[in-house]
Amino acid sequence: ENTSPVIDGLARRGVNFPRAYSHESYT
């Protein structure tokens, strides 16, 4: 679904890490 056209465009022109992890699941 088209949730992120802007961020997708930035990622396509930059470097995308699709397997990035936060080190805990809360802020």
PDB file of all heavy atoms in Angstrom:
ATOM      1  N   GLU A   1       0.842  -1.189   0.000  1.00  0.00           N
ATOM      2  CA  GLU A   1       0.000   0.000   0.000  1.00  0.00           C
ATOM      3  C   GLU A   1       0.882   1.246   0.000  1.00  0.00           C
ATOM      4  O   GLU A   1       1.984   1.247   0.558  1.00  0.00           O
ATOM      5  CB  GLU A   1      -0.932  -0.016   1.208  1.00  0.00           C
ATOM      6  CG  GLU A   1      -1.864  -1.229   1.198  1.00  0.00           C
ATOM      7  CD  GLU A   1      -2.835  -1.223   2.348  1.00  0.00           C
ATOM      8  OE1 GLU A   1      -3.658  -0.290   2.434  1.00  0.00           O
ATOM      9  OE2 GLU A   1      -2.778  -2.149   3.176  1.00  0.00           O
ATOM     10  N   ASN A   2       0.377   2.310  -0.589  1.00  0.00           N
ATOM     11  CA  ASN A   2       1.199   3.493  -0.852  1.00  0.00           C
ATOM     12  C   ASN A   2       1.291   4.397   0.381  1.00  0.00           C
ATOM     13  O   ASN A   2       0.833   5.541   0.375  1.00  0.00           O
ATOM     14  CB  ASN A   2       0.625   4.262  -2.048  1.00  0.00           C
ATOM     15  CG  ASN A   2       1.589   5.307  -2.558  1.00  0.00           C
ATOM     16  OD1 ASN A   2       2.806   5.161  -2.448  1.00  0.00           O
ATOM     17  ND2 ASN A   2       1.052   6.372  -3.130  1.00  0.00           N
ATOM     18  N   THR A   3       1.925   3.899   1.424  1.00  0.00           N
ATOM     19  CA  THR A   3       2.034   4.661   2.667  1.00  0.00           C
ATOM     20  C   THR A   3       3.192   5.648   2.673  1.00  0.00           C
ATOM     21  O   THR A   3       3.176   6.620   3.435  1.00  0.00           O
ATOM     22  CB  THR A   3       2.240   3.709   3.859  1.00  0.00           C
ATOM     23  OG1 THR A   3       3.371   2.859   3.578  1.00  0.00           O
ATOM     24  CG2 THR A   3       1.002   2.854   4.107  1.00  0.00           C
ATOM     25  N   SER A   4       4.216   5.423   1.835  1.00  0.00           N
ATOM     26  CA  SER A   4       5.467   6.171   2.033  1.00  0.00           C
ATOM     27  C   SER A   4       6.159   6.568   0.740  1.00  0.00           C
ATOM     28  O   SER A   4       7.356   6.299   0.565  1.00  0.00           O
ATOM     29  CB  SER A   4       6.423   5.318   2.877  1.00  0.00           C
ATOM     30  OG  SER A   4       6.594   4.021   2.291  1.00  0.00           O
ATOM     31  N   PRO A   5       5.482   7.222  -0.188  1.00  0.00           N
ATOM     32  CA  PRO A   5       6.134   7.558  -1.468  1.00  0.00           C
ATOM     33  C   PRO A   5       7.359   8.449  -1.304  1.00  0.00           C
ATOM     34  O   PRO A   5       8.336   8.305  -2.043  1.00  0.00           O
ATOM     35  CB  PRO A   5       5.023   8.258  -2.258  1.00  0.00           C
ATOM     36  CG  PRO A   5       4.044   8.734  -1.219  1.00  0.00           C
ATOM     37  CD  PRO A   5       4.090   7.704  -0.143  1.00  0.00           C
ATOM     38  N   VAL A   6       7.345   9.386  -0.357  1.00  0.00           N
ATOM     39  CA  VAL A   6       8.485  10.287  -0.177  1.00  0.00           C
ATOM     40  C   VAL A   6       9.690   9.536   0.371  1.00  0.00           C
ATOM     41  O   VAL A   6      10.791   9.600  -0.189  1.00  0.00           O
ATOM     42  CB  VAL A   6       8.110  11.453   0.763  1.00  0.00           C
ATOM     43  CG1 VAL A   6       9.352  12.269   1.110  1.00  0.00           C
ATOM     44  CG2 VAL A   6       7.060  12.331   0.116  1.00  0.00           C
ATOM     45  N   ILE A   7       9.495   8.823   1.470  1.00  0.00           N
ATOM     46  CA  ILE A   7      10.609   8.086   2.077  1.00  0.00           C
ATOM     47  C   ILE A   7      11.122   7.014   1.124  1.00  0.00           C
ATOM     48  O   ILE A   7      12.335   6.782   1.025  1.00  0.00           O
ATOM     49  CB  ILE A   7      10.174   7.483   3.425  1.00  0.00           C
ATOM     50  CG1 ILE A   7       9.863   8.602   4.421  1.00  0.00           C
ATOM     51  CG2 ILE A   7      11.258   6.570   3.984  1.00  0.00           C
ATOM     52  CD1 ILE A   7       9.311   8.129   5.747  1.00  0.00           C
ATOM     53  N   ASP A   8      10.222   6.370   0.386  1.00  0.00           N
ATOM     54  CA  ASP A   8      10.655   5.385  -0.605  1.00  0.00           C
ATOM     55  C   ASP A   8      11.572   6.031  -1.640  1.00  0.00           C
ATOM     56  O   ASP A   8      12.595   5.449  -2.034  1.00  0.00           O
ATOM     57  CB  ASP A   8       9.438   4.783  -1.317  1.00  0.00           C
ATOM     58  CG  ASP A   8       8.576   3.938  -0.398  1.00  0.00           C
ATOM     59  OD1 ASP A   8       9.036   3.580   0.706  1.00  0.00           O
ATOM     60  OD2 ASP A   8       7.431   3.636  -0.794  1.00  0.00           O
ATOM     61  N   GLY A   9      11.205   7.228  -2.086  1.00  0.00           N
ATOM     62  CA  GLY A   9      12.037   7.918  -3.067  1.00  0.00           C
ATOM     63  C   GLY A   9      13.409   8.266  -2.518  1.00  0.00           C
ATOM     64  O   GLY A   9      14.424   8.131  -3.217  1.00  0.00           O
ATOM     65  N   LEU A  10      13.461   8.720  -1.267  1.00  0.00           N
ATOM     66  CA  LEU A  10      14.753   9.017  -0.646  1.00  0.00           C
ATOM     67  C   LEU A  10      15.599   7.752  -0.537  1.00  0.00           C
ATOM     68  O   LEU A  10      16.808   7.776  -0.788  1.00  0.00           O
ATOM     69  CB  LEU A  10      14.532   9.628   0.745  1.00  0.00           C
ATOM     70  CG  LEU A  10      13.737  10.935   0.801  1.00  0.00           C
ATOM     71  CD1 LEU A  10      13.579  11.383   2.250  1.00  0.00           C
ATOM     72  CD2 LEU A  10      14.401  12.022  -0.023  1.00  0.00           C
ATOM     73  N   ALA A  11      14.951   6.646  -0.160  1.00  0.00           N
ATOM     74  CA  ALA A  11      15.690   5.386  -0.018  1.00  0.00           C
ATOM     75  C   ALA A  11      16.223   4.898  -1.357  1.00  0.00           C
ATOM     76  O   ALA A  11      17.347   4.381  -1.431  1.00  0.00           O
ATOM     77  CB  ALA A  11      14.778   4.333   0.605  1.00  0.00           C
ATOM     78  N   ARG A  12      15.441   5.071  -2.421  1.00  0.00           N
ATOM     79  CA  ARG A  12      15.895   4.609  -3.741  1.00  0.00           C
ATOM     80  C   ARG A  12      17.091   5.425  -4.239  1.00  0.00           C
ATOM     81  O   ARG A  12      17.906   4.920  -5.015  1.00  0.00           O
ATOM     82  CB  ARG A  12      14.750   4.688  -4.747  1.00  0.00           C
ATOM     83  CG  ARG A  12      13.643   3.682  -4.485  1.00  0.00           C
ATOM     84  CD  ARG A  12      12.637   3.633  -5.622  1.00  0.00           C
ATOM     85  NE  ARG A  12      11.558   2.706  -5.311  1.00  0.00           N
ATOM     86  CZ  ARG A  12      10.382   3.062  -4.813  1.00  0.00           C
ATOM     87  NH1 ARG A  12      10.134   4.359  -4.601  1.00  0.00           N
ATOM     88  NH2 ARG A  12       9.458   2.171  -4.549  1.00  0.00           N
ATOM     89  N   ARG A  13      17.193   6.672  -3.791  1.00  0.00           N
ATOM     90  CA  ARG A  13      18.318   7.499  -4.214  1.00  0.00           C
ATOM     91  C   ARG A  13      19.482   7.451  -3.221  1.00  0.00           C
ATOM     92  O   ARG A  13      20.539   8.010  -3.501  1.00  0.00           O
ATOM     93  CB  ARG A  13      17.857   8.952  -4.393  1.00  0.00           C
ATOM     94  CG  ARG A  13      16.790   9.115  -5.460  1.00  0.00           C
ATOM     95  CD  ARG A  13      16.584  10.560  -5.858  1.00  0.00           C
ATOM     96  NE  ARG A  13      16.107  11.382  -4.754  1.00  0.00           N
ATOM     97  CZ  ARG A  13      14.825  11.521  -4.423  1.00  0.00           C
ATOM     98  NH1 ARG A  13      13.895  10.851  -5.080  1.00  0.00           N
ATOM     99  NH2 ARG A  13      14.470  12.311  -3.434  1.00  0.00           N
ATOM    100  N   GLY A  14      19.264   6.805  -2.104  1.00  0.00           N
ATOM    101  CA  GLY A  14      20.291   6.744  -1.073  1.00  0.00           C
ATOM    102  C   GLY A  14      20.704   5.331  -0.765  1.00  0.00           C
ATOM    103  O   GLY A  14      20.863   4.502  -1.664  1.00  0.00           O
ATOM    104  N   VAL A  15      20.901   5.040   0.524  1.00  0.00           N
ATOM    105  CA  VAL A  15      21.286   3.706   0.982  1.00  0.00           C
ATOM    106  C   VAL A  15      20.199   3.205   1.918  1.00  0.00           C
ATOM    107  O   VAL A  15      19.871   3.857   2.915  1.00  0.00           O
ATOM    108  CB  VAL A  15      22.641   3.723   1.711  1.00  0.00           C
ATOM    109  CG1 VAL A  15      23.036   2.307   2.132  1.00  0.00           C
ATOM    110  CG2 VAL A  15      23.728   4.332   0.833  1.00  0.00           C
ATOM    111  N   ASN A  16      19.635   2.053   1.597  1.00  0.00           N
ATOM    112  CA  ASN A  16      18.559   1.468   2.385  1.00  0.00           C
ATOM    113  C   ASN A  16      19.044   0.203   3.075  1.00  0.00           C
ATOM    114  O   ASN A  16      19.647  -0.663   2.450  1.00  0.00           O
ATOM    115  CB  ASN A  16      17.359   1.143   1.493  1.00  0.00           C
ATOM    116  CG  ASN A  16      16.200   0.558   2.271  1.00  0.00           C
ATOM    117  OD1 ASN A  16      15.943   0.948   3.412  1.00  0.00           O
ATOM    118  ND2 ASN A  16      15.486  -0.385   1.669  1.00  0.00           N
ATOM    119  N   PHE A  17      18.770   0.108   4.375  1.00  0.00           N
ATOM    120  CA  PHE A  17      19.081  -1.082   5.160  1.00  0.00           C
ATOM    121  C   PHE A  17      17.749  -1.715   5.577  1.00  0.00           C
ATOM    122  O   PHE A  17      17.188  -1.354   6.609  1.00  0.00           O
ATOM    123  CB  PHE A  17      19.902  -0.722   6.398  1.00  0.00           C
ATOM    124  CG  PHE A  17      21.291  -0.240   6.104  1.00  0.00           C
ATOM    125  CD1 PHE A  17      21.524   1.102   5.831  1.00  0.00           C
ATOM    126  CD2 PHE A  17      22.366  -1.120   6.092  1.00  0.00           C
ATOM    127  CE1 PHE A  17      22.805   1.555   5.564  1.00  0.00           C
ATOM    128  CE2 PHE A  17      23.652  -0.676   5.819  1.00  0.00           C
ATOM    129  CZ  PHE A  17      23.867   0.666   5.548  1.00  0.00           C
ATOM    130  N   PRO A  18      17.225  -2.659   4.798  1.00  0.00           N
ATOM    131  CA  PRO A  18      15.916  -3.246   5.121  1.00  0.00           C
ATOM    132  C   PRO A  18      15.928  -4.162   6.329  1.00  0.00           C
ATOM    133  O   PRO A  18      14.870  -4.540   6.825  1.00  0.00           O
ATOM    134  CB  PRO A  18      15.552  -4.014   3.852  1.00  0.00           C
ATOM    135  CG  PRO A  18      16.853  -4.306   3.190  1.00  0.00           C
ATOM    136  CD  PRO A  18      17.746  -3.159   3.508  1.00  0.00           C
ATOM    137  N   ARG A  19      17.124  -4.521   6.827  1.00  0.00           N
ATOM    138  CA  ARG A  19      17.204  -5.400   8.005  1.00  0.00           C
ATOM    139  C   ARG A  19      17.924  -4.676   9.150  1.00  0.00           C
ATOM    140  O   ARG A  19      18.912  -5.144   9.688  1.00  0.00           O
ATOM    141  CB  ARG A  19      17.926  -6.701   7.658  1.00  0.00           C
ATOM    142  CG  ARG A  19      17.209  -7.558   6.618  1.00  0.00           C
ATOM    143  CD  ARG A  19      17.899  -8.899   6.472  1.00  0.00           C
ATOM    144  NE  ARG A  19      17.834  -9.652   7.726  1.00  0.00           N
ATOM    145  CZ  ARG A  19      18.739 -10.561   8.088  1.00  0.00           C
ATOM    146  NH1 ARG A  19      19.789 -10.810   7.308  1.00  0.00           N
ATOM    147  NH2 ARG A  19      18.610 -11.210   9.235  1.00  0.00           N
ATOM    148  N   ALA A  20      17.395  -3.531   9.527  1.00  0.00           N
ATOM    149  CA  ALA A  20      17.950  -2.767  10.643  1.00  0.00           C
ATOM    150  C   ALA A  20      17.144  -3.035  11.900  1.00  0.00           C
ATOM    151  O   ALA A  20      15.919  -3.195  11.847  1.00  0.00           O
ATOM    152  CB  ALA A  20      17.947  -1.273  10.319  1.00  0.00           C
ATOM    153  N   TYR A  21      17.833  -3.059  13.040  1.00  0.00           N
ATOM    154  CA  TYR A  21      17.188  -3.388  14.309  1.00  0.00           C
ATOM    155  C   TYR A  21      17.404  -2.294  15.342  1.00  0.00           C
ATOM    156  O   TYR A  21      18.527  -1.814  15.537  1.00  0.00           O
ATOM    157  CB  TYR A  21      17.739  -4.705  14.875  1.00  0.00           C
ATOM    158  CG  TYR A  21      17.265  -5.918  14.119  1.00  0.00           C
ATOM    159  CD1 TYR A  21      17.966  -6.389  13.011  1.00  0.00           C
ATOM    160  CD2 TYR A  21      16.108  -6.587  14.497  1.00  0.00           C
ATOM    161  CE1 TYR A  21      17.526  -7.496  12.299  1.00  0.00           C
ATOM    162  CE2 TYR A  21      15.655  -7.695  13.797  1.00  0.00           C
ATOM    163  CZ  TYR A  21      16.362  -8.144  12.704  1.00  0.00           C
ATOM    164  OH  TYR A  21      15.918  -9.237  12.003  1.00  0.00           O
ATOM    165  N   SER A  22      16.307  -1.943  16.017  1.00  0.00           N
ATOM    166  CA  SER A  22      16.424  -1.200  17.252  1.00  0.00           C
ATOM    167  C   SER A  22      16.878  -2.173  18.327  1.00  0.00           C
ATOM    168  O   SER A  22      16.651  -3.388  18.222  1.00  0.00           O
ATOM    169  CB  SER A  22      15.072  -0.596  17.634  1.00  0.00           C
ATOM    170  OG  SER A  22      15.136   0.003  18.908  1.00  0.00           O
ATOM    171  N   HIS A  23      17.499  -1.671  19.391  1.00  0.00           N
ATOM    172  CA  HIS A  23      18.049  -2.585  20.403  1.00  0.00           C
ATOM    173  C   HIS A  23      17.110  -2.805  21.573  1.00  0.00           C
ATOM    174  O   HIS A  23      17.447  -3.551  22.504  1.00  0.00           O
ATOM    175  CB  HIS A  23      19.414  -2.080  20.861  1.00  0.00           C
ATOM    176  CG  HIS A  23      20.403  -2.067  19.737  1.00  0.00           C
ATOM    177  ND1 HIS A  23      20.952  -3.209  19.220  1.00  0.00           N
ATOM    178  CD2 HIS A  23      20.871  -1.040  18.980  1.00  0.00           C
ATOM    179  CE1 HIS A  23      21.747  -2.897  18.213  1.00  0.00           C
ATOM    180  NE2 HIS A  23      21.708  -1.589  18.044  1.00  0.00           N
ATOM    181  N   GLU A  24      15.955  -2.215  21.555  1.00  0.00           N
ATOM    182  CA  GLU A  24      14.851  -2.556  22.447  1.00  0.00           C
ATOM    183  C   GLU A  24      13.570  -2.129  21.737  1.00  0.00           C
ATOM    184  O   GLU A  24      13.615  -1.444  20.728  1.00  0.00           O
ATOM    185  CB  GLU A  24      14.971  -1.891  23.826  1.00  0.00           C
ATOM    186  CG  GLU A  24      15.299  -2.860  24.982  1.00  0.00           C
ATOM    187  CD  GLU A  24      14.248  -3.953  25.185  1.00  0.00           C
ATOM    188  OE1 GLU A  24      13.106  -3.799  24.688  1.00  0.00           O
ATOM    189  OE2 GLU A  24      14.552  -4.954  25.849  1.00  0.00           O
ATOM    190  N   SER A  25      12.439  -2.558  22.298  1.00  0.00           N
ATOM    191  CA  SER A  25      11.177  -2.302  21.612  1.00  0.00           C
ATOM    192  C   SER A  25      10.391  -1.160  22.242  1.00  0.00           C
ATOM    193  O   SER A  25       9.187  -1.047  22.031  1.00  0.00           O
ATOM    194  CB  SER A  25      10.316  -3.578  21.600  1.00  0.00           C
ATOM    195  OG  SER A  25      10.040  -4.020  22.916  1.00  0.00           O
ATOM    196  N   TYR A  26      11.077  -0.300  23.017  1.00  0.00           N
ATOM    197  CA  TYR A  26      10.427   0.910  23.501  1.00  0.00           C
ATOM    198  C   TYR A  26      11.438   2.040  23.580  1.00  0.00           C
ATOM    199  O   TYR A  26      12.657   1.832  23.663  1.00  0.00           O
ATOM    200  CB  TYR A  26       9.710   0.695  24.829  1.00  0.00           C
ATOM    201  CG  TYR A  26      10.563   0.263  25.998  1.00  0.00           C
ATOM    202  CD1 TYR A  26      11.029   1.189  26.920  1.00  0.00           C
ATOM    203  CD2 TYR A  26      10.878  -1.069  26.201  1.00  0.00           C
ATOM    204  CE1 TYR A  26      11.795   0.811  28.010  1.00  0.00           C
ATOM    205  CE2 TYR A  26      11.634  -1.474  27.292  1.00  0.00           C
ATOM    206  CZ  TYR A  26      12.088  -0.533  28.195  1.00  0.00           C
ATOM    207  OH  TYR A  26      12.839  -0.928  29.266  1.00  0.00           O
ATOM    208  N   THR A  27      10.918   3.263  23.533  1.00  0.00           N
ATOM    209  CA  THR A  27      11.723   4.459  23.311  1.00  0.00           C
ATOM    210  C   THR A  27      12.798   4.675  24.353  1.00  0.00           C
ATOM    211  O   THR A  27      13.948   4.985  24.028  1.00  0.00           O
ATOM    212  CB  THR A  27      10.796   5.697  23.280  1.00  0.00           C
ATOM    213  OG1 THR A  27       9.787   5.496  22.296  1.00  0.00           O
ATOM    214  CG2 THR A  27      11.568   6.961  22.977  1.00  0.00           C
TER     215      THR A  27
END
